[in-house]
Amino acid sequence: MYYVYILQSRKDRSYYTGSTQDIKSRITKHNNKEVKYSATKAPFDLVWYCAFKDKEKALSFEKYLKIGSGFAFARKRLV
């Protein structure tokens, strides 16, 4: 399975959207500051995730959530 997830920073309440095959491990990496982009905003809480069987669909949905109407959709409906 492939997961698309949204984390919320406990530090500044901002959101981080990503994708992975191992969601537990990935959240641990974010919280241990092992992910360069999000290191300054750790720790995080998982606020939403969705599982996909197809990697391409997961990556496509992650991209959608990061731009334009998908970004607005995520903030209005998912978190």
C-alpha atoms as a PDB file:
ATOM      1  CA  MET A   1       0.000   0.000   0.000  1.00  0.00           C
ATOM      2  CA  TYR A   2       1.005   3.610  -0.598  1.00  0.00           C
ATOM      3  CA  TYR A   3      -0.093   6.369   1.752  1.00  0.00           C
ATOM      4  CA  VAL A   4      -0.686  10.074   1.309  1.00  0.00           C
ATOM      5  CA  TYR A   5      -0.663  11.891   4.632  1.00  0.00           C
ATOM      6  CA  ILE A   6      -1.011  15.314   6.207  1.00  0.00           C
ATOM      7  CA  LEU A   7       0.897  16.202   9.344  1.00  0.00           C
ATOM      8  CA  GLN A   8       0.393  19.251  11.529  1.00  0.00           C
ATOM      9  CA  SER A   9       3.306  20.849  13.340  1.00  0.00           C
ATOM     10  CA  ARG A  10       2.864  21.211  17.091  1.00  0.00           C
ATOM     11  CA  LYS A  11       5.382  24.049  16.909  1.00  0.00           C
ATOM     12  CA  ASP A  12       3.639  26.457  14.508  1.00  0.00           C
ATOM     13  CA  ARG A  13       0.413  24.595  13.496  1.00  0.00           C
ATOM     14  CA  SER A  14       1.494  24.490   9.825  1.00  0.00           C
ATOM     15  CA  TYR A  15       0.776  21.457   7.626  1.00  0.00           C
ATOM     16  CA  TYR A  16       3.060  19.079   5.760  1.00  0.00           C
ATOM     17  CA  THR A  17       1.747  16.795   2.989  1.00  0.00           C
ATOM     18  CA  GLY A  18       3.700  13.743   1.858  1.00  0.00           C
ATOM     19  CA  SER A  19       3.521  10.147   0.675  1.00  0.00           C
ATOM     20  CA  THR A  20       5.191   6.897   1.697  1.00  0.00           C
ATOM     21  CA  GLN A  21       4.898   3.113   1.780  1.00  0.00           C
ATOM     22  CA  ASP A  22       5.569   2.904   5.542  1.00  0.00           C
ATOM     23  CA  ILE A  23       3.577   5.600   7.301  1.00  0.00           C
ATOM     24  CA  LYS A  24       4.670   4.763  10.873  1.00  0.00           C
ATOM     25  CA  SER A  25       8.339   4.891   9.961  1.00  0.00           C
ATOM     26  CA  ARG A  26       7.918   8.101   7.982  1.00  0.00           C
ATOM     27  CA  ILE A  27       6.173   9.924  10.848  1.00  0.00           C
ATOM     28  CA  THR A  28       8.926   8.778  13.199  1.00  0.00           C
ATOM     29  CA  LYS A  29      11.508  10.211  10.791  1.00  0.00           C
ATOM     30  CA  HIS A  30       9.650  13.534  10.662  1.00  0.00           C
ATOM     31  CA  ASN A  31       9.468  13.695  14.455  1.00  0.00           C
ATOM     32  CA  ASN A  32      13.155  12.762  14.830  1.00  0.00           C
ATOM     33  CA  LYS A  33      14.080  15.615  12.453  1.00  0.00           C
ATOM     34  CA  GLU A  34      15.491  13.223   9.849  1.00  0.00           C
ATOM     35  CA  VAL A  35      13.502  14.828   7.010  1.00  0.00           C
ATOM     36  CA  LYS A  36      15.324  17.973   5.891  1.00  0.00           C
ATOM     37  CA  TYR A  37      12.295  19.986   4.733  1.00  0.00           C
ATOM     38  CA  SER A  38      10.272  19.509   7.923  1.00  0.00           C
ATOM     39  CA  ALA A  39      13.052  19.336  10.534  1.00  0.00           C
ATOM     40  CA  THR A  40      12.539  22.877  11.825  1.00  0.00           C
ATOM     41  CA  LYS A  41       8.824  22.290  12.403  1.00  0.00           C
ATOM     42  CA  ALA A  42       8.946  19.022  14.402  1.00  0.00           C
ATOM     43  CA  PRO A  43       7.207  17.504  16.308  1.00  0.00           C
ATOM     44  CA  PHE A  44       4.146  16.586  14.233  1.00  0.00           C
ATOM     45  CA  ASP A  45       0.732  15.004  14.697  1.00  0.00           C
ATOM     46  CA  LEU A  46      -0.841  12.895  11.961  1.00  0.00           C
ATOM     47  CA  VAL A  47      -4.135  14.617  11.087  1.00  0.00           C
ATOM     48  CA  TRP A  48      -5.163  12.716   7.924  1.00  0.00           C
ATOM     49  CA  TYR A  49      -4.067   9.851   5.681  1.00  0.00           C
ATOM     50  CA  CYS A  50      -5.376   7.772   2.800  1.00  0.00           C
ATOM     51  CA  ALA A  51      -4.176   4.420   1.428  1.00  0.00           C
ATOM     52  CA  PHE A  52      -3.747   3.598  -2.269  1.00  0.00           C
ATOM     53  CA  LYS A  53      -2.940   0.292  -3.966  1.00  0.00           C
ATOM     54  CA  ASP A  54      -1.269   2.086  -6.884  1.00  0.00           C
ATOM     55  CA  LYS A  55       1.885   4.165  -6.335  1.00  0.00           C
ATOM     56  CA  GLU A  56       1.153   6.433  -9.300  1.00  0.00           C
ATOM     57  CA  LYS A  57      -2.311   7.286  -7.957  1.00  0.00           C
ATOM     58  CA  ALA A  58      -0.856   8.085  -4.532  1.00  0.00           C
ATOM     59  CA  LEU A  59       1.800  10.369  -6.017  1.00  0.00           C
ATOM     60  CA  SER A  60      -0.767  12.052  -8.239  1.00  0.00           C
ATOM     61  CA  PHE A  61      -3.090  12.701  -5.300  1.00  0.00           C
ATOM     62  CA  GLU A  62      -0.202  14.031  -3.187  1.00  0.00           C
ATOM     63  CA  LYS A  63       0.672  16.460  -5.983  1.00  0.00           C
ATOM     64  CA  TYR A  64      -2.989  17.521  -6.247  1.00  0.00           C
ATOM     65  CA  LEU A  65      -3.128  18.295  -2.509  1.00  0.00           C
ATOM     66  CA  LYS A  66      -0.049  20.515  -2.791  1.00  0.00           C
ATOM     67  CA  ILE A  67      -1.337  22.861  -5.520  1.00  0.00           C
ATOM     68  CA  GLY A  68      -4.281  25.139  -6.268  1.00  0.00           C
ATOM     69  CA  SER A  69      -7.739  23.727  -5.694  1.00  0.00           C
ATOM     70  CA  GLY A  70      -6.336  20.571  -4.098  1.00  0.00           C
ATOM     71  CA  PHE A  71      -4.588  22.663  -1.449  1.00  0.00           C
ATOM     72  CA  ALA A  72      -7.875  24.466  -0.693  1.00  0.00           C
ATOM     73  CA  PHE A  73      -9.765  21.140  -0.662  1.00  0.00           C
ATOM     74  CA  ALA A  74      -7.310  19.652   1.849  1.00  0.00           C
ATOM     75  CA  ARG A  75      -7.543  22.623   4.201  1.00  0.00           C
ATOM     76  CA  LYS A  76     -11.344  22.821   3.986  1.00  0.00           C
ATOM     77  CA  ARG A  77     -12.324  19.141   3.963  1.00  0.00           C
ATOM     78  CA  LEU A  78      -9.462  16.995   5.259  1.00  0.00           C
ATOM     79  CA  VAL A  79      -7.978  18.874   8.216  1.00  0.00           C
END
